[in-house]
Amino acid sequence: MAGIFDSIRSLFGGAAASAPPQAANEPDSYKDCLIYAEPMAEGGQWRLAGRIVRGEGAKAREHKFIRADIFSSKDEVEAATLRKARQIIDEQGAALFR
């Protein structure tokens, strides 16, 4: 029964979800943006997550995204994150950072 409550608590940011974030990989450059693949470890698998950054310093704008997609391999999720980020940039363009 405690396992169920731990799972629910982790969904809402409780103690079980406070694991340190994974170190960001080197960014991938695409259309004046930097894409950081930042997959989230989840139950022995990896959830697709990342950041898209445009600009530098104080003028930098950032868009974070997390998707429902789960992968068993960190390499697979990183590649899928880059594909998804490029798709987001292509579809939303400048509106992404408004």
PDB file of N, CA and C in Angstrom:
ATOM      1  N   MET A   1       0.816  -1.188   0.000  1.00  0.00           N
ATOM      2  CA  MET A   1       0.000   0.000   0.000  1.00  0.00           C
ATOM      3  C   MET A   1       0.864   1.258   0.000  1.00  0.00           C
ATOM      4  N   ALA A   2       1.973   1.227   0.735  1.00  0.00           N
ATOM      5  CA  ALA A   2       2.851   2.396   0.777  1.00  0.00           C
ATOM      6  C   ALA A   2       3.407   2.711  -0.604  1.00  0.00           C
ATOM      7  N   GLY A   3       3.636   1.685  -1.423  1.00  0.00           N
ATOM      8  CA  GLY A   3       4.152   1.900  -2.774  1.00  0.00           C
ATOM      9  C   GLY A   3       3.214   2.730  -3.621  1.00  0.00           C
ATOM     10  N   ILE A   4       1.916   2.528  -3.433  1.00  0.00           N
ATOM     11  CA  ILE A   4       0.929   3.310  -4.178  1.00  0.00           C
ATOM     12  C   ILE A   4       1.024   4.771  -3.782  1.00  0.00           C
ATOM     13  N   PHE A   5       1.125   5.039  -2.472  1.00  0.00           N
ATOM     14  CA  PHE A   5       1.199   6.422  -2.011  1.00  0.00           C
ATOM     15  C   PHE A   5       2.492   7.093  -2.446  1.00  0.00           C
ATOM     16  N   ASP A   6       3.591   6.348  -2.457  1.00  0.00           N
ATOM     17  CA  ASP A   6       4.849   6.904  -2.945  1.00  0.00           C
ATOM     18  C   ASP A   6       4.739   7.276  -4.417  1.00  0.00           C
ATOM     19  N   SER A   7       4.062   6.436  -5.202  1.00  0.00           N
ATOM     20  CA  SER A   7       3.877   6.726  -6.629  1.00  0.00           C
ATOM     21  C   SER A   7       3.038   7.977  -6.821  1.00  0.00           C
ATOM     22  N   ILE A   8       1.967   8.085  -6.055  1.00  0.00           N
ATOM     23  CA  ILE A   8       1.101   9.265  -6.163  1.00  0.00           C
ATOM     24  C   ILE A   8       1.861  10.513  -5.725  1.00  0.00           C
ATOM     25  N   ARG A   9       2.600  10.411  -4.625  1.00  0.00           N
ATOM     26  CA  ARG A   9       3.375  11.548  -4.134  1.00  0.00           C
ATOM     27  C   ARG A   9       4.387  12.004  -5.179  1.00  0.00           C
ATOM     28  N   SER A  10       5.032  11.057  -5.872  1.00  0.00           N
ATOM     29  CA  SER A  10       6.030  11.426  -6.872  1.00  0.00           C
ATOM     30  C   SER A  10       5.393  12.148  -8.056  1.00  0.00           C
ATOM     31  N   LEU A  11       4.144  11.832  -8.371  1.00  0.00           N
ATOM     32  CA  LEU A  11       3.450  12.519  -9.465  1.00  0.00           C
ATOM     33  C   LEU A  11       3.212  13.982  -9.142  1.00  0.00           C
ATOM     34  N   PHE A  12       3.040  14.285  -7.861  1.00  0.00           N
ATOM     35  CA  PHE A  12       2.725  15.649  -7.451  1.00  0.00           C
ATOM     36  C   PHE A  12       3.910  16.361  -6.808  1.00  0.00           C
ATOM     37  N   GLY A  13       5.110  15.872  -7.073  1.00  0.00           N
ATOM     38  CA  GLY A  13       6.307  16.569  -6.619  1.00  0.00           C
ATOM     39  C   GLY A  13       6.715  16.274  -5.197  1.00  0.00           C
ATOM     40  N   GLY A  14       6.314  15.137  -4.655  1.00  0.00           N
ATOM     41  CA  GLY A  14       6.676  14.764  -3.297  1.00  0.00           C
ATOM     42  C   GLY A  14       8.111  14.294  -3.213  1.00  0.00           C
ATOM     43  N   ALA A  15       8.471  13.736  -2.092  1.00  0.00           N
ATOM     44  CA  ALA A  15       9.847  13.334  -1.825  1.00  0.00           C
ATOM     45  C   ALA A  15      10.385  12.352  -2.863  1.00  0.00           C
ATOM     46  N   ALA A  16       9.561  11.450  -3.358  1.00  0.00           N
ATOM     47  CA  ALA A  16      10.033  10.451  -4.313  1.00  0.00           C
ATOM     48  C   ALA A  16      10.425  11.074  -5.638  1.00  0.00           C
ATOM     49  N   ALA A  17       9.910  12.262  -5.947  1.00  0.00           N
ATOM     50  CA  ALA A  17      10.219  12.914  -7.212  1.00  0.00           C
ATOM     51  C   ALA A  17      11.404  13.857  -7.105  1.00  0.00           C
ATOM     52  N   SER A  18      12.029  13.950  -5.942  1.00  0.00           N
ATOM     53  CA  SER A  18      13.075  14.944  -5.747  1.00  0.00           C
ATOM     54  C   SER A  18      14.467  14.428  -6.087  1.00  0.00           C
ATOM     55  N   ALA A  19      14.560  13.415  -6.902  1.00  0.00           N
ATOM     56  CA  ALA A  19      15.853  12.912  -7.329  1.00  0.00           C
ATOM     57  C   ALA A  19      16.566  13.994  -8.134  1.00  0.00           C
ATOM     58  N   PRO A  20      17.891  14.072  -8.047  1.00  0.00           N
ATOM     59  CA  PRO A  20      18.606  15.111  -8.778  1.00  0.00           C
ATOM     60  C   PRO A  20      18.427  14.941 -10.284  1.00  0.00           C
ATOM     61  N   PRO A  21      18.320  16.053 -11.023  1.00  0.00           N
ATOM     62  CA  PRO A  21      18.142  15.944 -12.475  1.00  0.00           C
ATOM     63  C   PRO A  21      19.384  15.357 -13.131  1.00  0.00           C
ATOM     64  N   GLN A  22      19.180  14.736 -14.261  1.00  0.00           N
ATOM     65  CA  GLN A  22      20.296  14.181 -15.014  1.00  0.00           C
ATOM     66  C   GLN A  22      21.113  15.327 -15.618  1.00  0.00           C
ATOM     67  N   ALA A  23      22.404  15.130 -15.739  1.00  0.00           N
ATOM     68  CA  ALA A  23      23.259  16.150 -16.346  1.00  0.00           C
ATOM     69  C   ALA A  23      22.858  16.330 -17.800  1.00  0.00           C
ATOM     70  N   ALA A  24      22.811  17.584 -18.225  1.00  0.00           N
ATOM     71  CA  ALA A  24      22.423  17.891 -19.602  1.00  0.00           C
ATOM     72  C   ALA A  24      23.536  17.468 -20.557  1.00  0.00           C
ATOM     73  N   ASN A  25      23.139  16.965 -21.696  1.00  0.00           N
ATOM     74  CA  ASN A  25      24.094  16.625 -22.745  1.00  0.00           C
ATOM     75  C   ASN A  25      24.543  17.896 -23.432  1.00  0.00           C
ATOM     76  N   GLU A  26      25.505  17.769 -24.287  1.00  0.00           N
ATOM     77  CA  GLU A  26      25.895  18.903 -25.107  1.00  0.00           C
ATOM     78  C   GLU A  26      24.700  19.307 -25.958  1.00  0.00           C
ATOM     79  N   PRO A  27      24.460  20.601 -26.112  1.00  0.00           N
ATOM     80  CA  PRO A  27      23.293  21.033 -26.892  1.00  0.00           C
ATOM     81  C   PRO A  27      23.467  20.761 -28.379  1.00  0.00           C
ATOM     82  N   ASP A  28      22.341  20.585 -29.049  1.00  0.00           N
ATOM     83  CA  ASP A  28      22.294  20.431 -30.488  1.00  0.00           C
ATOM     84  C   ASP A  28      21.772  21.743 -31.057  1.00  0.00           C
ATOM     85  N   SER A  29      22.392  22.271 -32.069  1.00  0.00           N
ATOM     86  CA  SER A  29      21.984  23.548 -32.660  1.00  0.00           C
ATOM     87  C   SER A  29      21.028  23.303 -33.832  1.00  0.00           C
ATOM     88  N   TYR A  30      19.914  24.077 -33.839  1.00  0.00           N
ATOM     89  CA  TYR A  30      18.933  23.946 -34.912  1.00  0.00           C
ATOM     90  C   TYR A  30      18.195  25.276 -35.057  1.00  0.00           C
ATOM     91  N   LYS A  31      18.270  25.894 -36.228  1.00  0.00           N
ATOM     92  CA  LYS A  31      17.566  27.138 -36.550  1.00  0.00           C
ATOM     93  C   LYS A  31      17.706  28.196 -35.450  1.00  0.00           C
ATOM     94  N   ASP A  32      18.919  28.587 -35.144  1.00  0.00           N
ATOM     95  CA  ASP A  32      19.208  29.619 -34.136  1.00  0.00           C
ATOM     96  C   ASP A  32      18.765  29.243 -32.727  1.00  0.00           C
ATOM     97  N   CYS A  33      18.552  27.967 -32.464  1.00  0.00           N
ATOM     98  CA  CYS A  33      18.169  27.493 -31.129  1.00  0.00           C
ATOM     99  C   CYS A  33      19.157  26.421 -30.680  1.00  0.00           C
ATOM    100  N   LEU A  34      19.270  26.272 -29.387  1.00  0.00           N
ATOM    101  CA  LEU A  34      20.022  25.166 -28.814  1.00  0.00           C
ATOM    102  C   LEU A  34      19.024  24.208 -28.188  1.00  0.00           C
ATOM    103  N   ILE A  35      19.187  22.936 -28.469  1.00  0.00           N
ATOM    104  CA  ILE A  35      18.293  21.905 -27.945  1.00  0.00           C
ATOM    105  C   ILE A  35      19.080  21.073 -26.941  1.00  0.00           C
ATOM    106  N   TYR A  36      18.539  20.969 -25.736  1.00  0.00           N
ATOM    107  CA  TYR A  36      19.135  20.149 -24.689  1.00  0.00           C
ATOM    108  C   TYR A  36      18.221  18.959 -24.434  1.00  0.00           C
ATOM    109  N   ALA A  37      18.717  17.763 -24.660  1.00  0.00           N
ATOM    110  CA  ALA A  37      17.973  16.545 -24.328  1.00  0.00           C
ATOM    111  C   ALA A  37      18.199  16.287 -22.840  1.00  0.00           C
ATOM    112  N   GLU A  38      17.120  16.268 -22.060  1.00  0.00           N
ATOM    113  CA  GLU A  38      17.211  16.058 -20.618  1.00  0.00           C
ATOM    114  C   GLU A  38      16.201  14.994 -20.179  1.00  0.00           C
ATOM    115  N   PRO A  39      16.418  13.744 -20.631  1.00  0.00           N
ATOM    116  CA  PRO A  39      15.465  12.681 -20.295  1.00  0.00           C
ATOM    117  C   PRO A  39      15.363  12.491 -18.787  1.00  0.00           C
ATOM    118  N   MET A  40      14.183  12.069 -18.350  1.00  0.00           N
ATOM    119  CA  MET A  40      13.911  11.870 -16.937  1.00  0.00           C
ATOM    120  C   MET A  40      13.838  10.376 -16.639  1.00  0.00           C
ATOM    121  N   ALA A  41      14.640   9.915 -15.678  1.00  0.00           N
ATOM    122  CA  ALA A  41      14.598   8.516 -15.268  1.00  0.00           C
ATOM    123  C   ALA A  41      13.270   8.261 -14.569  1.00  0.00           C
ATOM    124  N   GLU A  42      12.622   7.161 -14.963  1.00  0.00           N
ATOM    125  CA  GLU A  42      11.308   6.857 -14.399  1.00  0.00           C
ATOM    126  C   GLU A  42      11.073   5.354 -14.406  1.00  0.00           C
ATOM    127  N   GLY A  43      11.127   4.752 -13.256  1.00  0.00           N
ATOM    128  CA  GLY A  43      10.831   3.324 -13.134  1.00  0.00           C
ATOM    129  C   GLY A  43      11.692   2.429 -14.006  1.00  0.00           C
ATOM    130  N   GLY A  44      12.978   2.703 -14.101  1.00  0.00           N
ATOM    131  CA  GLY A  44      13.858   1.883 -14.924  1.00  0.00           C
ATOM    132  C   GLY A  44      13.802   2.212 -16.405  1.00  0.00           C
ATOM    133  N   GLN A  45      13.024   3.230 -16.771  1.00  0.00           N
ATOM    134  CA  GLN A  45      12.926   3.673 -18.159  1.00  0.00           C
ATOM    135  C   GLN A  45      13.199   5.172 -18.215  1.00  0.00           C
ATOM    136  N   TRP A  46      13.044   5.756 -19.393  1.00  0.00           N
ATOM    137  CA  TRP A  46      13.340   7.171 -19.600  1.00  0.00           C
ATOM    138  C   TRP A  46      12.160   7.881 -20.245  1.00  0.00           C
ATOM    139  N   ARG A  47      11.764   9.015 -19.670  1.00  0.00           N
ATOM    140  CA  ARG A  47      10.693   9.844 -20.233  1.00  0.00           C
ATOM    141  C   ARG A  47      11.324  10.951 -21.073  1.00  0.00           C
ATOM    142  N   LEU A  48      10.726  11.210 -22.235  1.00  0.00           N
ATOM    143  CA  LEU A  48      11.208  12.233 -23.156  1.00  0.00           C
ATOM    144  C   LEU A  48      11.014  13.619 -22.525  1.00  0.00           C
ATOM    145  N   ALA A  49      12.101  14.383 -22.406  1.00  0.00           N
ATOM    146  CA  ALA A  49      12.053  15.737 -21.856  1.00  0.00           C
ATOM    147  C   ALA A  49      13.254  16.521 -22.370  1.00  0.00           C
ATOM    148  N   GLY A  50      13.088  17.833 -22.497  1.00  0.00           N
ATOM    149  CA  GLY A  50      14.191  18.656 -22.963  1.00  0.00           C
ATOM    150  C   GLY A  50      13.897  20.132 -22.855  1.00  0.00           C
ATOM    151  N   ARG A  51      14.868  20.916 -23.325  1.00  0.00           N
ATOM    152  CA  ARG A  51      14.750  22.372 -23.341  1.00  0.00           C
ATOM    153  C   ARG A  51      15.164  22.899 -24.702  1.00  0.00           C
ATOM    154  N   ILE A  52      14.519  23.977 -25.113  1.00  0.00           N
ATOM    155  CA  ILE A  52      14.899  24.694 -26.327  1.00  0.00           C
ATOM    156  C   ILE A  52      15.260  26.104 -25.871  1.00  0.00           C
ATOM    157  N   VAL A  53      16.445  26.564 -26.231  1.00  0.00           N
ATOM    158  CA  VAL A  53      16.923  27.877 -25.805  1.00  0.00           C
ATOM    159  C   VAL A  53      17.276  28.701 -27.026  1.00  0.00           C
ATOM    160  N   ARG A  54      16.839  29.963 -27.021  1.00  0.00           N
ATOM    161  CA  ARG A  54      17.208  30.907 -28.082  1.00  0.00           C
ATOM    162  C   ARG A  54      17.799  32.138 -27.417  1.00  0.00           C
ATOM    163  N   GLY A  55      18.935  32.612 -27.931  1.00  0.00           N
ATOM    164  CA  GLY A  55      19.598  33.784 -27.379  1.00  0.00           C
ATOM    165  C   GLY A  55      20.614  33.401 -26.323  1.00  0.00           C
ATOM    166  N   GLU A  56      21.299  34.435 -25.801  1.00  0.00           N
ATOM    167  CA  GLU A  56      22.337  34.200 -24.802  1.00  0.00           C
ATOM    168  C   GLU A  56      22.201  35.198 -23.665  1.00  0.00           C
ATOM    169  N   GLY A  57      22.750  34.847 -22.537  1.00  0.00           N
ATOM    170  CA  GLY A  57      22.790  35.740 -21.391  1.00  0.00           C
ATOM    171  C   GLY A  57      21.413  36.159 -20.914  1.00  0.00           C
ATOM    172  N   ALA A  58      21.279  37.451 -20.605  1.00  0.00           N
ATOM    173  CA  ALA A  58      20.021  37.983 -20.073  1.00  0.00           C
ATOM    174  C   ALA A  58      18.894  37.941 -21.105  1.00  0.00           C
ATOM    175  N   LYS A  59      19.240  37.873 -22.381  1.00  0.00           N
ATOM    176  CA  LYS A  59      18.216  37.857 -23.439  1.00  0.00           C
ATOM    177  C   LYS A  59      17.789  36.450 -23.839  1.00  0.00           C
ATOM    178  N   ALA A  60      18.345  35.457 -23.188  1.00  0.00           N
ATOM    179  CA  ALA A  60      18.011  34.066 -23.524  1.00  0.00           C
ATOM    180  C   ALA A  60      16.557  33.765 -23.157  1.00  0.00           C
ATOM    181  N   ARG A  61      15.879  33.060 -24.042  1.00  0.00           N
ATOM    182  CA  ARG A  61      14.506  32.596 -23.815  1.00  0.00           C
ATOM    183  C   ARG A  61      14.546  31.087 -23.828  1.00  0.00           C
ATOM    184  N   GLU A  62      13.745  30.469 -22.977  1.00  0.00           N
ATOM    185  CA  GLU A  62      13.783  29.021 -22.815  1.00  0.00           C
ATOM    186  C   GLU A  62      12.370  28.437 -22.856  1.00  0.00           C
ATOM    187  N   HIS A  63      12.258  27.283 -23.507  1.00  0.00           N
ATOM    188  CA  HIS A  63      11.000  26.545 -23.548  1.00  0.00           C
ATOM    189  C   HIS A  63      11.311  25.118 -23.109  1.00  0.00           C
ATOM    190  N   LYS A  64      10.701  24.678 -21.996  1.00  0.00           N
ATOM    191  CA  LYS A  64      10.884  23.302 -21.521  1.00  0.00           C
ATOM    192  C   LYS A  64       9.706  22.462 -21.991  1.00  0.00           C
ATOM    193  N   PHE A  65       9.979  21.201 -22.277  1.00  0.00           N
ATOM    194  CA  PHE A  65       8.899  20.299 -22.676  1.00  0.00           C
ATOM    195  C   PHE A  65       9.124  18.911 -22.095  1.00  0.00           C
ATOM    196  N   ILE A  66       8.014  18.271 -21.750  1.00  0.00           N
ATOM    197  CA  ILE A  66       8.003  16.891 -21.259  1.00  0.00           C
ATOM    198  C   ILE A  66       6.888  16.187 -22.010  1.00  0.00           C
ATOM    199  N   ARG A  67       7.140  15.014 -22.509  1.00  0.00           N
ATOM    200  CA  ARG A  67       6.140  14.259 -23.253  1.00  0.00           C
ATOM    201  C   ARG A  67       5.861  12.927 -22.556  1.00  0.00           C
ATOM    202  N   ALA A  68       4.791  12.308 -22.910  1.00  0.00           N
ATOM    203  CA  ALA A  68       4.375  11.037 -22.307  1.00  0.00           C
ATOM    204  C   ALA A  68       5.206   9.860 -22.808  1.00  0.00           C
ATOM    205  N   ASP A  69       5.981  10.048 -23.858  1.00  0.00           N
ATOM    206  CA  ASP A  69       6.745   8.962 -24.464  1.00  0.00           C
ATOM    207  C   ASP A  69       7.777   8.404 -23.482  1.00  0.00           C
ATOM    208  N   ILE A  70       7.830   7.083 -23.371  1.00  0.00           N
ATOM    209  CA  ILE A  70       8.761   6.377 -22.490  1.00  0.00           C
ATOM    210  C   ILE A  70       9.647   5.471 -23.343  1.00  0.00           C
ATOM    211  N   PHE A  71      10.938   5.430 -23.014  1.00  0.00           N
ATOM    212  CA  PHE A  71      11.905   4.615 -23.760  1.00  0.00           C
ATOM    213  C   PHE A  71      12.718   3.778 -22.785  1.00  0.00           C
ATOM    214  N   SER A  72      13.201   2.642 -23.243  1.00  0.00           N
ATOM    215  CA  SER A  72      14.012   1.779 -22.385  1.00  0.00           C
ATOM    216  C   SER A  72      15.490   2.146 -22.453  1.00  0.00           C
ATOM    217  N   SER A  73      15.890   2.845 -23.493  1.00  0.00           N
ATOM    218  CA  SER A  73      17.289   3.205 -23.693  1.00  0.00           C
ATOM    219  C   SER A  73      17.473   4.725 -23.632  1.00  0.00           C
ATOM    220  N   LYS A  74      18.497   5.149 -22.913  1.00  0.00           N
ATOM    221  CA  LYS A  74      18.778   6.590 -22.825  1.00  0.00           C
ATOM    222  C   LYS A  74      19.172   7.152 -24.194  1.00  0.00           C
ATOM    223  N   ASP A  75      19.913   6.382 -24.984  1.00  0.00           N
ATOM    224  CA  ASP A  75      20.297   6.843 -26.321  1.00  0.00           C
ATOM    225  C   ASP A  75      19.067   7.060 -27.203  1.00  0.00           C
ATOM    226  N   GLU A  76      18.101   6.151 -27.116  1.00  0.00           N
ATOM    227  CA  GLU A  76      16.873   6.281 -27.909  1.00  0.00           C
ATOM    228  C   GLU A  76      16.077   7.517 -27.510  1.00  0.00           C
ATOM    229  N   VAL A  77      15.948   7.753 -26.209  1.00  0.00           N
ATOM    230  CA  VAL A  77      15.157   8.899 -25.752  1.00  0.00           C
ATOM    231  C   VAL A  77      15.854  10.207 -26.108  1.00  0.00           C
ATOM    232  N   GLU A  78      17.172  10.253 -26.076  1.00  0.00           N
ATOM    233  CA  GLU A  78      17.888  11.468 -26.460  1.00  0.00           C
ATOM    234  C   GLU A  78      17.671  11.776 -27.938  1.00  0.00           C
ATOM    235  N   ALA A  79      17.741  10.758 -28.789  1.00  0.00           N
ATOM    236  CA  ALA A  79      17.502  10.964 -30.218  1.00  0.00           C
ATOM    237  C   ALA A  79      16.060  11.416 -30.468  1.00  0.00           C
ATOM    238  N   ALA A  80      15.104  10.805 -29.776  1.00  0.00           N
ATOM    239  CA  ALA A  80      13.698  11.181 -29.933  1.00  0.00           C
ATOM    240  C   ALA A  80      13.451  12.602 -29.427  1.00  0.00           C
ATOM    241  N   THR A  81      14.144  13.006 -28.379  1.00  0.00           N
ATOM    242  CA  THR A  81      14.007  14.367 -27.843  1.00  0.00           C
ATOM    243  C   THR A  81      14.472  15.386 -28.869  1.00  0.00           C
ATOM    244  N   LEU A  82      15.569  15.120 -29.531  1.00  0.00           N
ATOM    245  CA  LEU A  82      16.058  16.040 -30.557  1.00  0.00           C
ATOM    246  C   LEU A  82      15.072  16.139 -31.715  1.00  0.00           C
ATOM    247  N   ARG A  83      14.513  15.011 -32.134  1.00  0.00           N
ATOM    248  CA  ARG A  83      13.509  15.021 -33.213  1.00  0.00           C
ATOM    249  C   ARG A  83      12.276  15.830 -32.803  1.00  0.00           C
ATOM    250  N   LYS A  84      11.792  15.601 -31.581  1.00  0.00           N
ATOM    251  CA  LYS A  84      10.596  16.300 -31.095  1.00  0.00           C
ATOM    252  C   LYS A  84      10.864  17.805 -30.975  1.00  0.00           C
ATOM    253  N   ALA A  85      12.031  18.185 -30.492  1.00  0.00           N
ATOM    254  CA  ALA A  85      12.369  19.606 -30.360  1.00  0.00           C
ATOM    255  C   ALA A  85      12.419  20.281 -31.728  1.00  0.00           C
ATOM    256  N   ARG A  86      13.004  19.618 -32.708  1.00  0.00           N
ATOM    257  CA  ARG A  86      13.040  20.185 -34.070  1.00  0.00           C
ATOM    258  C   ARG A  86      11.622  20.354 -34.610  1.00  0.00           C
ATOM    259  N   GLN A  87      10.757  19.381 -34.340  1.00  0.00           N
ATOM    260  CA  GLN A  87       9.366  19.461 -34.777  1.00  0.00           C
ATOM    261  C   GLN A  87       8.663  20.652 -34.102  1.00  0.00           C
ATOM    262  N   ILE A  88       8.889  20.842 -32.813  1.00  0.00           N
ATOM    263  CA  ILE A  88       8.295  21.971 -32.088  1.00  0.00           C
ATOM    264  C   ILE A  88       8.766  23.289 -32.686  1.00  0.00           C
ATOM    265  N   ILE A  89      10.060  23.403 -32.959  1.00  0.00           N
ATOM    266  CA  ILE A  89      10.617  24.631 -33.547  1.00  0.00           C
ATOM    267  C   ILE A  89      10.000  24.881 -34.924  1.00  0.00           C
ATOM    268  N   ASP A  90       9.912  23.834 -35.742  1.00  0.00           N
ATOM    269  CA  ASP A  90       9.337  23.994 -37.089  1.00  0.00           C
ATOM    270  C   ASP A  90       7.873  24.398 -37.041  1.00  0.00           C
ATOM    271  N   GLU A  91       7.110  23.812 -36.127  1.00  0.00           N
ATOM    272  CA  GLU A  91       5.682  24.087 -36.060  1.00  0.00           C
ATOM    273  C   GLU A  91       5.362  25.436 -35.429  1.00  0.00           C
ATOM    274  N   GLN A  92       6.092  25.824 -34.385  1.00  0.00           N
ATOM    275  CA  GLN A  92       5.739  27.034 -33.646  1.00  0.00           C
ATOM    276  C   GLN A  92       6.583  28.245 -33.988  1.00  0.00           C
ATOM    277  N   GLY A  93       7.767  28.034 -34.502  1.00  0.00           N
ATOM    278  CA  GLY A  93       8.616  29.139 -34.905  1.00  0.00           C
ATOM    279  C   GLY A  93       8.839  30.157 -33.787  1.00  0.00           C
ATOM    280  N   ALA A  94       8.766  31.439 -34.133  1.00  0.00           N
ATOM    281  CA  ALA A  94       9.011  32.520 -33.173  1.00  0.00           C
ATOM    282  C   ALA A  94       7.959  32.548 -32.068  1.00  0.00           C
ATOM    283  N   ALA A  95       6.772  32.026 -32.322  1.00  0.00           N
ATOM    284  CA  ALA A  95       5.698  32.021 -31.318  1.00  0.00           C
ATOM    285  C   ALA A  95       6.072  31.167 -30.108  1.00  0.00           C
ATOM    286  N   LEU A  96       7.040  30.297 -30.253  1.00  0.00           N
ATOM    287  CA  LEU A  96       7.475  29.433 -29.167  1.00  0.00           C
ATOM    288  C   LEU A  96       7.963  30.237 -27.971  1.00  0.00           C
ATOM    289  N   PHE A  97       8.541  31.401 -28.213  1.00  0.00           N
ATOM    290  CA  PHE A  97       9.149  32.202 -27.149  1.00  0.00           C
ATOM    291  C   PHE A  97       8.361  33.451 -26.791  1.00  0.00           C
ATOM    292  N   ARG A  98       7.131  33.538 -27.174  1.00  0.00           N
ATOM    293  CA  ARG A  98       6.314  34.716 -26.813  1.00  0.00           C
ATOM    294  C   ARG A  98       5.725  34.578 -25.460  1.00  0.00           C
TER     295      ARG A  98
END
